Amino acid sequence: LARQAGKDDLVICLLSGGASALMADIPEGATLDELTEASELLVRCGADISEINTVRKHLSGVKGGELARAVAPATVITLILSDVIGDPIDVIASGPTAPDSSTFADALAVIRKYALEDRFPAVLLDHLHRGAAALLPETPKPGDPFFSHVYNHIIGSNRLALEAAAHKADELGFEARIITDALQGDYSAVADYILHTIEQALHQNHAKPCCLLFGGEPTLQVSGSGLGGRNQHLALRLAMQIAGREGITILCAGTDGTDGPTDAAGAVVDSRTLPDSRERQIDAADALSRFDSYHFFRQAGGHIITGNTRTNVMDMVVVLL
């Protein structure tokens, strides 16, 4: 259908989080199961969304600007809900209507970085090697003329979600501060950053209660056999560090309503979360070590259950002081 578009046609493309997983044009000789296996390996190894999409773009005939090439010379307007830090249009949904600056060699570098060569589906690894050897065409690059008829617009993002949360906090009588919309990296470093920001805020004078807002998407490299997600895991880590410190409440949640393979968006914790769980003989440290935050909060309480919100603009952390 896309290739039937002519120069007088207008193509409207709606993109949001999840499009990378849903749009697939499988390399010759590969299967959908192999492509799914490859994606799951990348997610579980701790690769960030940019690295994951670098690989996905080079295993697809629609990602990495290929959709824009397919509809050329038609005019394309793409409306985007961003689920990527910094809102880079070439990364969101693997950039089907954006120039791609990454290469097959970059995709292979991601595979090597996380030592996935022996586990990555052989037919897909071979496809990447053939591309790196210039035996397959590269994705469209900046400067390709058909991009002059492509218009990409960000209509929803983590920053906009934080601004909406700040507005609501103001209405409720809090002094709202957006700290960052770029939380990234290992969850433990993110937890330390949040705690450091809390300490700074506590040493300042406030005329009103304070609401600190953070956004982004930390990474969590799972090695245990438990059930959870990065927001529940982060909330549990923070609960252990604010135990007994009254006046601190923290919510960690995914804007899409889903945190990991669970029905929870995240969790809310305060100074009593850990002491109360100890009284009930619920072991927080054990749950954290086994990456089993879901079962901890199911027993101890604190889950945020929203259902699927149908909008993914990454994660939010809300701190009330």
C-alpha atoms as a PDB file:
ATOM      1  CA  LEU A   1       0.000   0.000   0.000  1.00  0.00           C
ATOM      2  CA  ALA A   2       2.784   2.445   0.928  1.00  0.00           C
ATOM      3  CA  ARG A   3       4.576   1.893  -2.364  1.00  0.00           C
ATOM      4  CA  GLN A   4       1.419   2.851  -4.263  1.00  0.00           C
ATOM      5  CA  ALA A   5       1.521   6.441  -2.935  1.00  0.00           C
ATOM      6  CA  GLY A   6       2.178   9.087  -5.586  1.00  0.00           C
ATOM      7  CA  LYS A   7       3.598  12.606  -5.523  1.00  0.00           C
ATOM      8  CA  ASP A   8       0.130  14.162  -5.088  1.00  0.00           C
ATOM      9  CA  ASP A   9      -0.772  11.947  -2.099  1.00  0.00           C
ATOM     10  CA  LEU A  10      -0.606  12.836   1.597  1.00  0.00           C
ATOM     11  CA  VAL A  11       0.402  10.064   3.999  1.00  0.00           C
ATOM     12  CA  ILE A  12      -0.336  10.590   7.710  1.00  0.00           C
ATOM     13  CA  CYS A  13       1.697   8.362  10.022  1.00  0.00           C
ATOM     14  CA  LEU A  14       0.839   7.989  13.727  1.00  0.00           C
ATOM     15  CA  LEU A  15       3.698   6.712  15.884  1.00  0.00           C
ATOM     16  CA  SER A  16       3.916   5.830  19.560  1.00  0.00           C
ATOM     17  CA  GLY A  17       5.761   3.531  21.903  1.00  0.00           C
ATOM     18  CA  GLY A  18       5.433  -0.067  20.813  1.00  0.00           C
ATOM     19  CA  ALA A  19       5.606   0.637  17.101  1.00  0.00           C
ATOM     20  CA  SER A  20       9.097  -0.858  16.927  1.00  0.00           C
ATOM     21  CA  ALA A  21       7.744  -4.147  18.236  1.00  0.00           C
ATOM     22  CA  LEU A  22       4.572  -4.106  16.137  1.00  0.00           C
ATOM     23  CA  MET A  23       6.041  -3.091  12.773  1.00  0.00           C
ATOM     24  CA  ALA A  24       8.113  -5.910  11.377  1.00  0.00           C
ATOM     25  CA  ASP A  25       9.459  -6.665   7.927  1.00  0.00           C
ATOM     26  CA  ILE A  26      11.483  -9.772   8.577  1.00  0.00           C
ATOM     27  CA  PRO A  27      14.823 -10.360   6.809  1.00  0.00           C
ATOM     28  CA  GLU A  28      14.765 -13.075   4.169  1.00  0.00           C
ATOM     29  CA  GLY A  29      15.141 -16.537   5.663  1.00  0.00           C
ATOM     30  CA  ALA A  30      14.236 -15.442   9.206  1.00  0.00           C
ATOM     31  CA  THR A  31      11.046 -16.048  11.170  1.00  0.00           C
ATOM     32  CA  LEU A  32       8.945 -13.824  13.409  1.00  0.00           C
ATOM     33  CA  ASP A  33       9.864 -16.056  16.362  1.00  0.00           C
ATOM     34  CA  GLU A  34      13.564 -15.420  15.719  1.00  0.00           C
ATOM     35  CA  LEU A  35      12.963 -11.674  15.500  1.00  0.00           C
ATOM     36  CA  THR A  36      11.005 -11.807  18.762  1.00  0.00           C
ATOM     37  CA  GLU A  37      13.785 -13.808  20.411  1.00  0.00           C
ATOM     38  CA  ALA A  38      16.335 -11.217  19.297  1.00  0.00           C
ATOM     39  CA  SER A  39      14.272  -8.361  20.737  1.00  0.00           C
ATOM     40  CA  GLU A  40      13.820 -10.162  24.053  1.00  0.00           C
ATOM     41  CA  LEU A  41      17.566 -10.779  24.303  1.00  0.00           C
ATOM     42  CA  LEU A  42      18.269  -7.083  23.763  1.00  0.00           C
ATOM     43  CA  VAL A  43      15.736  -6.015  26.384  1.00  0.00           C
ATOM     44  CA  ARG A  44      16.907  -8.500  29.022  1.00  0.00           C
ATOM     45  CA  CYS A  45      20.614  -7.755  28.582  1.00  0.00           C
ATOM     46  CA  GLY A  46      20.130  -4.149  29.708  1.00  0.00           C
ATOM     47  CA  ALA A  47      20.577  -2.391  26.357  1.00  0.00           C
ATOM     48  CA  ASP A  48      18.957   1.046  26.247  1.00  0.00           C
ATOM     49  CA  ILE A  49      16.192   1.904  23.785  1.00  0.00           C
ATOM     50  CA  SER A  50      18.580   3.631  21.381  1.00  0.00           C
ATOM     51  CA  GLU A  51      20.805   0.542  21.202  1.00  0.00           C
ATOM     52  CA  ILE A  52      17.816  -1.777  20.817  1.00  0.00           C
ATOM     53  CA  ASN A  53      16.412   0.296  17.976  1.00  0.00           C
ATOM     54  CA  THR A  54      19.791   0.497  16.229  1.00  0.00           C
ATOM     55  CA  VAL A  55      19.633  -3.280  15.880  1.00  0.00           C
ATOM     56  CA  ARG A  56      15.911  -3.347  15.034  1.00  0.00           C
ATOM     57  CA  LYS A  57      16.359  -0.793  12.235  1.00  0.00           C
ATOM     58  CA  HIS A  58      18.869  -3.053  10.528  1.00  0.00           C
ATOM     59  CA  LEU A  59      16.617  -6.088  10.767  1.00  0.00           C
ATOM     60  CA  SER A  60      13.651  -4.400   9.087  1.00  0.00           C
ATOM     61  CA  GLY A  61      12.445  -3.066   5.760  1.00  0.00           C
ATOM     62  CA  VAL A  62      10.192  -0.404   7.336  1.00  0.00           C
ATOM     63  CA  LYS A  63      12.241   1.020  10.222  1.00  0.00           C
ATOM     64  CA  GLY A  64      15.138   3.461  10.000  1.00  0.00           C
ATOM     65  CA  GLY A  65      13.579   5.671   7.309  1.00  0.00           C
ATOM     66  CA  GLU A  66      12.559   2.764   5.100  1.00  0.00           C
ATOM     67  CA  LEU A  67       8.833   3.616   5.346  1.00  0.00           C
ATOM     68  CA  ALA A  68       9.557   7.149   4.118  1.00  0.00           C
ATOM     69  CA  ARG A  69      11.531   5.692   1.210  1.00  0.00           C
ATOM     70  CA  ALA A  70       8.637   3.355   0.407  1.00  0.00           C
ATOM     71  CA  VAL A  71       6.029   6.142   0.168  1.00  0.00           C
ATOM     72  CA  ALA A  72       8.238   8.584  -1.763  1.00  0.00           C
ATOM     73  CA  PRO A  73       7.495  10.841  -3.593  1.00  0.00           C
ATOM     74  CA  ALA A  74       4.340  11.373  -1.483  1.00  0.00           C
ATOM     75  CA  THR A  75       4.232  13.975   1.297  1.00  0.00           C
ATOM     76  CA  VAL A  76       4.400  12.442   4.790  1.00  0.00           C
ATOM     77  CA  ILE A  77       3.217  13.979   8.067  1.00  0.00           C
ATOM     78  CA  THR A  78       4.188  11.929  11.127  1.00  0.00           C
ATOM     79  CA  LEU A  79       2.625  12.666  14.527  1.00  0.00           C
ATOM     80  CA  ILE A  80       4.710  11.193  17.323  1.00  0.00           C
ATOM     81  CA  LEU A  81       4.231  10.236  20.967  1.00  0.00           C
ATOM     82  CA  SER A  82       7.818  10.039  22.199  1.00  0.00           C
ATOM     83  CA  ASP A  83       8.944   7.220  24.477  1.00  0.00           C
ATOM     84  CA  VAL A  84      12.636   8.084  24.160  1.00  0.00           C
ATOM     85  CA  ILE A  85      14.779  10.494  26.193  1.00  0.00           C
ATOM     86  CA  GLY A  86      15.456  13.690  24.259  1.00  0.00           C
ATOM     87  CA  ASP A  87      12.736  12.917  21.683  1.00  0.00           C
ATOM     88  CA  PRO A  88      15.102  11.935  18.824  1.00  0.00           C
ATOM     89  CA  ILE A  89      12.840  11.230  15.845  1.00  0.00           C
ATOM     90  CA  ASP A  90      15.303   8.745  14.368  1.00  0.00           C
ATOM     91  CA  VAL A  91      15.061   6.584  17.504  1.00  0.00           C
ATOM     92  CA  ILE A  92      11.354   6.792  18.438  1.00  0.00           C
ATOM     93  CA  ALA A  93       9.613   3.689  17.043  1.00  0.00           C
ATOM     94  CA  SER A  94      12.903   3.029  15.223  1.00  0.00           C
ATOM     95  CA  GLY A  95      12.346   6.120  13.052  1.00  0.00           C
ATOM     96  CA  PRO A  96      10.335   4.753  10.092  1.00  0.00           C
ATOM     97  CA  THR A  97      10.042   8.248   8.577  1.00  0.00           C
ATOM     98  CA  ALA A  98      13.344   9.717   9.795  1.00  0.00           C
ATOM     99  CA  PRO A  99      16.888   9.560   8.414  1.00  0.00           C
ATOM    100  CA  ASP A 100      19.021   6.950  10.152  1.00  0.00           C
ATOM    101  CA  SER A 101      22.550   7.885  11.166  1.00  0.00           C
ATOM    102  CA  SER A 102      23.350   4.399  12.507  1.00  0.00           C
ATOM    103  CA  THR A 103      24.868   1.600  10.461  1.00  0.00           C
ATOM    104  CA  PHE A 104      24.997  -2.184  10.275  1.00  0.00           C
ATOM    105  CA  ALA A 105      28.390  -1.910  11.992  1.00  0.00           C
ATOM    106  CA  ASP A 106      26.758  -0.020  14.869  1.00  0.00           C
ATOM    107  CA  ALA A 107      24.154  -2.773  15.215  1.00  0.00           C
ATOM    108  CA  LEU A 108      26.884  -5.407  15.429  1.00  0.00           C
ATOM    109  CA  ALA A 109      28.691  -3.292  18.024  1.00  0.00           C
ATOM    110  CA  VAL A 110      25.597  -3.477  20.251  1.00  0.00           C
ATOM    111  CA  ILE A 111      25.532  -7.278  19.905  1.00  0.00           C
ATOM    112  CA  ARG A 112      29.197  -7.466  20.893  1.00  0.00           C
ATOM    113  CA  LYS A 113      28.869  -4.960  23.754  1.00  0.00           C
ATOM    114  CA  TYR A 114      26.389  -7.222  25.528  1.00  0.00           C
ATOM    115  CA  ALA A 115      28.118 -10.483  24.500  1.00  0.00           C
ATOM    116  CA  LEU A 116      25.087 -11.773  22.598  1.00  0.00           C
ATOM    117  CA  GLU A 117      26.884 -13.335  19.619  1.00  0.00           C
ATOM    118  CA  ASP A 118      26.417 -16.920  20.800  1.00  0.00           C
ATOM    119  CA  ARG A 119      22.736 -16.435  21.703  1.00  0.00           C
ATOM    120  CA  PHE A 120      21.512 -14.173  18.906  1.00  0.00           C
ATOM    121  CA  PRO A 121      19.567 -16.033  16.175  1.00  0.00           C
ATOM    122  CA  ALA A 122      22.155 -17.095  13.584  1.00  0.00           C
ATOM    123  CA  VAL A 123      20.162 -15.996  10.527  1.00  0.00           C
ATOM    124  CA  LEU A 124      19.747 -12.488  11.958  1.00  0.00           C
ATOM    125  CA  LEU A 125      23.388 -12.239  12.985  1.00  0.00           C
ATOM    126  CA  ASP A 126      24.363 -13.288   9.458  1.00  0.00           C
ATOM    127  CA  HIS A 127      22.072 -10.561   8.050  1.00  0.00           C
ATOM    128  CA  LEU A 128      23.893  -7.929  10.122  1.00  0.00           C
ATOM    129  CA  HIS A 129      27.304  -9.230   9.049  1.00  0.00           C
ATOM    130  CA  ARG A 130      26.262  -9.125   5.384  1.00  0.00           C
ATOM    131  CA  GLY A 131      25.082  -5.545   5.806  1.00  0.00           C
ATOM    132  CA  ALA A 132      28.322  -4.511   7.511  1.00  0.00           C
ATOM    133  CA  ALA A 133      30.192  -6.021   4.561  1.00  0.00           C
ATOM    134  CA  ALA A 134      28.142  -3.791   2.184  1.00  0.00           C
ATOM    135  CA  LEU A 135      26.342  -6.798   0.710  1.00  0.00           C
ATOM    136  CA  LEU A 136      22.988  -5.238   1.691  1.00  0.00           C
ATOM    137  CA  PRO A 137      21.800  -1.626   1.233  1.00  0.00           C
ATOM    138  CA  GLU A 138      22.096   0.688   4.231  1.00  0.00           C
ATOM    139  CA  THR A 139      19.119   2.471   5.769  1.00  0.00           C
ATOM    140  CA  PRO A 140      18.325   5.950   4.313  1.00  0.00           C
ATOM    141  CA  LYS A 141      20.695   8.615   5.601  1.00  0.00           C
ATOM    142  CA  PRO A 142      20.377  12.373   6.284  1.00  0.00           C
ATOM    143  CA  GLY A 143      20.357  14.268   3.003  1.00  0.00           C
ATOM    144  CA  ASP A 144      18.398  11.702   1.010  1.00  0.00           C
ATOM    145  CA  PRO A 145      16.140  13.899  -1.181  1.00  0.00           C
ATOM    146  CA  PHE A 146      12.820  12.195  -0.389  1.00  0.00           C
ATOM    147  CA  PHE A 147      13.070  13.449   3.204  1.00  0.00           C
ATOM    148  CA  SER A 148      12.314  16.969   1.894  1.00  0.00           C
ATOM    149  CA  HIS A 149       8.668  15.832   1.704  1.00  0.00           C
ATOM    150  CA  VAL A 150       8.600  14.359   5.232  1.00  0.00           C
ATOM    151  CA  TYR A 151       7.422  16.332   8.281  1.00  0.00           C
ATOM    152  CA  ASN A 152       7.845  14.818  11.762  1.00  0.00           C
ATOM    153  CA  HIS A 153       6.065  16.399  14.767  1.00  0.00           C
ATOM    154  CA  ILE A 154       6.328  15.487  18.485  1.00  0.00           C
ATOM    155  CA  ILE A 155       2.825  15.805  19.992  1.00  0.00           C
ATOM    156  CA  GLY A 156       3.400  13.982  23.302  1.00  0.00           C
ATOM    157  CA  SER A 157       6.488  13.416  25.456  1.00  0.00           C
ATOM    158  CA  ASN A 158       7.778  12.831  28.968  1.00  0.00           C
ATOM    159  CA  ARG A 159       8.424  16.554  29.344  1.00  0.00           C
ATOM    160  CA  LEU A 160       4.779  17.331  28.546  1.00  0.00           C
ATOM    161  CA  ALA A 161       3.654  14.699  31.071  1.00  0.00           C
ATOM    162  CA  LEU A 162       5.892  16.220  33.751  1.00  0.00           C
ATOM    163  CA  GLU A 163       4.541  19.691  32.981  1.00  0.00           C
ATOM    164  CA  ALA A 164       0.985  18.379  33.387  1.00  0.00           C
ATOM    165  CA  ALA A 165       1.944  16.747  36.701  1.00  0.00           C
ATOM    166  CA  ALA A 166       3.577  19.981  37.879  1.00  0.00           C
ATOM    167  CA  HIS A 167       0.424  21.930  37.023  1.00  0.00           C
ATOM    168  CA  LYS A 168      -1.688  19.479  39.036  1.00  0.00           C
ATOM    169  CA  ALA A 169       0.739  19.615  41.961  1.00  0.00           C
ATOM    170  CA  ASP A 170       0.502  23.412  41.956  1.00  0.00           C
ATOM    171  CA  GLU A 171      -3.290  23.149  42.063  1.00  0.00           C
ATOM    172  CA  LEU A 172      -3.005  20.847  45.089  1.00  0.00           C
ATOM    173  CA  GLY A 173      -0.858  23.328  46.991  1.00  0.00           C
ATOM    174  CA  PHE A 174       2.631  21.961  46.333  1.00  0.00           C
ATOM    175  CA  GLU A 175       5.683  23.821  45.149  1.00  0.00           C
ATOM    176  CA  ALA A 176       6.370  21.763  42.017  1.00  0.00           C
ATOM    177  CA  ARG A 177       9.815  21.369  40.483  1.00  0.00           C
ATOM    178  CA  ILE A 178      10.647  19.443  37.332  1.00  0.00           C
ATOM    179  CA  ILE A 179      14.127  18.118  38.074  1.00  0.00           C
ATOM    180  CA  THR A 180      14.796  16.230  34.823  1.00  0.00           C
ATOM    181  CA  ASP A 181      13.143  14.372  31.974  1.00  0.00           C
ATOM    182  CA  ALA A 182      16.341  12.456  31.245  1.00  0.00           C
ATOM    183  CA  LEU A 183      16.678   9.771  33.943  1.00  0.00           C
ATOM    184  CA  GLN A 184      18.706   6.980  32.389  1.00  0.00           C
ATOM    185  CA  GLY A 185      21.359   4.424  33.169  1.00  0.00           C
ATOM    186  CA  ASP A 186      21.382   1.728  35.830  1.00  0.00           C
ATOM    187  CA  TYR A 187      18.569   1.973  38.348  1.00  0.00           C
ATOM    188  CA  SER A 188      20.981   2.065  41.319  1.00  0.00           C
ATOM    189  CA  ALA A 189      22.677   5.229  40.030  1.00  0.00           C
ATOM    190  CA  VAL A 190      19.244   6.714  39.359  1.00  0.00           C
ATOM    191  CA  ALA A 191      18.188   5.914  42.933  1.00  0.00           C
ATOM    192  CA  ASP A 192      21.301   7.640  44.284  1.00  0.00           C
ATOM    193  CA  TYR A 193      20.600  10.705  42.135  1.00  0.00           C
ATOM    194  CA  ILE A 194      16.996  10.921  43.356  1.00  0.00           C
ATOM    195  CA  LEU A 195      18.091  10.574  46.991  1.00  0.00           C
ATOM    196  CA  HIS A 196      20.766  13.252  46.548  1.00  0.00           C
ATOM    197  CA  THR A 197      18.154  15.614  45.089  1.00  0.00           C
ATOM    198  CA  ILE A 198      15.816  14.864  48.004  1.00  0.00           C
ATOM    199  CA  GLU A 199      18.597  15.676  50.503  1.00  0.00           C
ATOM    200  CA  GLN A 200      19.244  19.000  48.782  1.00  0.00           C
ATOM    201  CA  ALA A 201      15.553  19.892  48.805  1.00  0.00           C
ATOM    202  CA  LEU A 202      15.189  18.998  52.487  1.00  0.00           C
ATOM    203  CA  HIS A 203      17.921  21.492  53.384  1.00  0.00           C
ATOM    204  CA  GLN A 204      16.133  24.340  51.627  1.00  0.00           C
ATOM    205  CA  ASN A 205      13.355  26.507  53.011  1.00  0.00           C
ATOM    206  CA  HIS A 206       9.940  25.987  51.430  1.00  0.00           C
ATOM    207  CA  ALA A 207       6.828  28.065  51.994  1.00  0.00           C
ATOM    208  CA  LYS A 208       4.739  25.112  50.789  1.00  0.00           C
ATOM    209  CA  PRO A 209       5.121  21.317  50.640  1.00  0.00           C
ATOM    210  CA  CYS A 210       7.462  20.340  47.813  1.00  0.00           C
ATOM    211  CA  CYS A 211       6.842  18.074  44.808  1.00  0.00           C
ATOM    212  CA  LEU A 212       9.926  16.906  42.910  1.00  0.00           C
ATOM    213  CA  LEU A 213       9.296  15.461  39.454  1.00  0.00           C
ATOM    214  CA  PHE A 214      11.664  13.198  37.535  1.00  0.00           C
ATOM    215  CA  GLY A 215      11.149  11.491  34.189  1.00  0.00           C
ATOM    216  CA  GLY A 216      13.016   9.204  31.839  1.00  0.00           C
ATOM    217  CA  GLU A 217      13.714   5.499  31.598  1.00  0.00           C
ATOM    218  CA  PRO A 218      16.317   3.812  33.817  1.00  0.00           C
ATOM    219  CA  THR A 219      17.632   0.400  32.842  1.00  0.00           C
ATOM    220  CA  LEU A 220      17.495  -2.752  34.938  1.00  0.00           C
ATOM    221  CA  GLN A 221      19.618  -5.790  34.146  1.00  0.00           C
ATOM    222  CA  VAL A 222      17.613  -8.719  35.506  1.00  0.00           C
ATOM    223  CA  SER A 223      19.482 -11.721  36.887  1.00  0.00           C
ATOM    224  CA  GLY A 224      17.010 -13.139  39.393  1.00  0.00           C
ATOM    225  CA  SER A 225      13.991 -15.351  38.855  1.00  0.00           C
ATOM    226  CA  GLY A 226      11.442 -13.059  40.483  1.00  0.00           C
ATOM    227  CA  LEU A 227       8.688 -10.915  39.012  1.00  0.00           C
ATOM    228  CA  GLY A 228       8.738  -7.143  38.756  1.00  0.00           C
ATOM    229  CA  GLY A 229       9.763  -4.173  36.643  1.00  0.00           C
ATOM    230  CA  ARG A 230      12.188  -1.277  36.776  1.00  0.00           C
ATOM    231  CA  ASN A 231       9.715   1.073  38.518  1.00  0.00           C
ATOM    232  CA  GLN A 232       8.754  -1.398  41.247  1.00  0.00           C
ATOM    233  CA  HIS A 233      12.428  -2.320  41.683  1.00  0.00           C
ATOM    234  CA  LEU A 234      13.424   1.353  41.929  1.00  0.00           C
ATOM    235  CA  ALA A 235      10.614   2.052  44.394  1.00  0.00           C
ATOM    236  CA  LEU A 236      11.728  -0.861  46.584  1.00  0.00           C
ATOM    237  CA  ARG A 237      15.343   0.317  46.531  1.00  0.00           C
ATOM    238  CA  LEU A 238      14.246   3.828  47.518  1.00  0.00           C
ATOM    239  CA  ALA A 239      11.959   2.464  50.253  1.00  0.00           C
ATOM    240  CA  MET A 240      14.946   0.755  51.850  1.00  0.00           C
ATOM    241  CA  GLN A 241      16.892   4.017  51.829  1.00  0.00           C
ATOM    242  CA  ILE A 242      14.179   6.295  53.247  1.00  0.00           C
ATOM    243  CA  ALA A 243      13.036   3.847  55.940  1.00  0.00           C
ATOM    244  CA  GLY A 244      12.110   5.685  59.119  1.00  0.00           C
ATOM    245  CA  ARG A 245      12.530   9.154  57.587  1.00  0.00           C
ATOM    246  CA  GLU A 246       9.135  10.740  58.002  1.00  0.00           C
ATOM    247  CA  GLY A 247       7.776  13.221  55.496  1.00  0.00           C
ATOM    248  CA  ILE A 248       9.036  11.533  52.309  1.00  0.00           C
ATOM    249  CA  THR A 249       6.699   9.799  49.860  1.00  0.00           C
ATOM    250  CA  ILE A 250       7.888   8.496  46.486  1.00  0.00           C
ATOM    251  CA  LEU A 251       5.930   7.167  43.517  1.00  0.00           C
ATOM    252  CA  CYS A 252       7.686   5.362  40.646  1.00  0.00           C
ATOM    253  CA  ALA A 253       5.503   4.383  37.692  1.00  0.00           C
ATOM    254  CA  GLY A 254       5.372   3.800  33.957  1.00  0.00           C
ATOM    255  CA  THR A 255       3.054   6.143  32.061  1.00  0.00           C
ATOM    256  CA  ASP A 256       1.734   3.234  29.993  1.00  0.00           C
ATOM    257  CA  GLY A 257       0.353   1.551  33.104  1.00  0.00           C
ATOM    258  CA  THR A 258       2.613  -1.481  32.744  1.00  0.00           C
ATOM    259  CA  ASP A 259       5.879  -2.116  34.570  1.00  0.00           C
ATOM    260  CA  GLY A 260       7.666  -5.207  33.337  1.00  0.00           C
ATOM    261  CA  PRO A 261       5.548  -8.325  32.726  1.00  0.00           C
ATOM    262  CA  THR A 262       3.080  -7.346  35.479  1.00  0.00           C
ATOM    263  CA  ASP A 263      -0.322  -5.708  35.899  1.00  0.00           C
ATOM    264  CA  ALA A 264       1.183  -2.870  37.961  1.00  0.00           C
ATOM    265  CA  ALA A 265       2.318   0.523  36.672  1.00  0.00           C
ATOM    266  CA  GLY A 266       4.716   0.834  39.594  1.00  0.00           C
ATOM    267  CA  ALA A 267       4.576   1.473  43.317  1.00  0.00           C
ATOM    268  CA  VAL A 268       4.414   4.188  45.966  1.00  0.00           C
ATOM    269  CA  VAL A 269       6.574   4.045  49.105  1.00  0.00           C
ATOM    270  CA  ASP A 270       7.213   6.122  52.212  1.00  0.00           C
ATOM    271  CA  SER A 271       9.081   6.028  55.506  1.00  0.00           C
ATOM    272  CA  ARG A 272       6.824   3.249  56.845  1.00  0.00           C
ATOM    273  CA  THR A 273       7.057   0.851  53.886  1.00  0.00           C
ATOM    274  CA  LEU A 274      10.107  -1.015  55.173  1.00  0.00           C
ATOM    275  CA  PRO A 275       9.331  -0.993  58.926  1.00  0.00           C
ATOM    276  CA  ASP A 276       5.777  -2.173  58.277  1.00  0.00           C
ATOM    277  CA  SER A 277       6.974  -4.955  55.976  1.00  0.00           C
ATOM    278  CA  ARG A 278       9.457  -6.129  58.611  1.00  0.00           C
ATOM    279  CA  GLU A 279       6.687  -6.356  61.187  1.00  0.00           C
ATOM    280  CA  ARG A 280       4.819  -8.611  58.757  1.00  0.00           C
ATOM    281  CA  GLN A 281       8.013 -10.622  58.080  1.00  0.00           C
ATOM    282  CA  ILE A 282       8.183  -9.578  54.425  1.00  0.00           C
ATOM    283  CA  ASP A 283      11.849  -9.492  53.415  1.00  0.00           C
ATOM    284  CA  ALA A 284      12.574  -6.437  51.242  1.00  0.00           C
ATOM    285  CA  ALA A 285      16.281  -7.179  50.783  1.00  0.00           C
ATOM    286  CA  ASP A 286      15.520 -10.713  49.608  1.00  0.00           C
ATOM    287  CA  ALA A 287      12.901  -9.436  47.160  1.00  0.00           C
ATOM    288  CA  LEU A 288      15.359  -6.886  45.787  1.00  0.00           C
ATOM    289  CA  SER A 289      18.138  -9.461  45.350  1.00  0.00           C
ATOM    290  CA  ARG A 290      15.776 -11.843  43.525  1.00  0.00           C
ATOM    291  CA  PHE A 291      14.262  -9.057  41.393  1.00  0.00           C
ATOM    292  CA  ASP A 292      10.919  -9.952  42.931  1.00  0.00           C
ATOM    293  CA  SER A 293       9.558  -6.484  43.690  1.00  0.00           C
ATOM    294  CA  TYR A 294       6.090  -7.357  42.390  1.00  0.00           C
ATOM    295  CA  HIS A 295       5.470  -9.983  45.040  1.00  0.00           C
ATOM    296  CA  PHE A 296       6.912  -7.712  47.725  1.00  0.00           C
ATOM    297  CA  PHE A 297       4.402  -4.957  46.960  1.00  0.00           C
ATOM    298  CA  ARG A 298       1.575  -7.427  46.474  1.00  0.00           C
ATOM    299  CA  GLN A 299       2.138  -8.539  50.069  1.00  0.00           C
ATOM    300  CA  ALA A 300       3.207  -5.242  51.638  1.00  0.00           C
ATOM    301  CA  GLY A 301       0.903  -2.932  49.688  1.00  0.00           C
ATOM    302  CA  GLY A 302       1.836   0.089  47.608  1.00  0.00           C
ATOM    303  CA  HIS A 303       1.134  -1.092  44.071  1.00  0.00           C
ATOM    304  CA  ILE A 304      -0.090   1.455  41.524  1.00  0.00           C
ATOM    305  CA  ILE A 305      -2.672  -0.306  39.344  1.00  0.00           C
ATOM    306  CA  THR A 306      -4.053   1.842  36.525  1.00  0.00           C
ATOM    307  CA  GLY A 307      -4.610  -0.628  33.736  1.00  0.00           C
ATOM    308  CA  ASN A 308      -3.277   0.042  30.262  1.00  0.00           C
ATOM    309  CA  THR A 309      -3.255   3.821  29.686  1.00  0.00           C
ATOM    310  CA  ARG A 310      -2.625   3.362  25.936  1.00  0.00           C
ATOM    311  CA  THR A 311       0.032   6.083  26.052  1.00  0.00           C
ATOM    312  CA  ASN A 312       3.725   5.488  26.703  1.00  0.00           C
ATOM    313  CA  VAL A 313       5.917   8.507  27.373  1.00  0.00           C
ATOM    314  CA  MET A 314       8.357   6.608  29.601  1.00  0.00           C
ATOM    315  CA  ASP A 315       8.491   6.651  33.406  1.00  0.00           C
ATOM    316  CA  MET A 316       7.796   9.218  36.105  1.00  0.00           C
ATOM    317  CA  VAL A 317       9.045   9.544  39.665  1.00  0.00           C
ATOM    318  CA  VAL A 318       7.059  11.843  41.962  1.00  0.00           C
ATOM    319  CA  VAL A 319       8.522  12.810  45.340  1.00  0.00           C
ATOM    320  CA  LEU A 320       6.414  14.621  47.948  1.00  0.00           C
ATOM    321  CA  LEU A 321       8.235  16.342  50.816  1.00  0.00           C
END
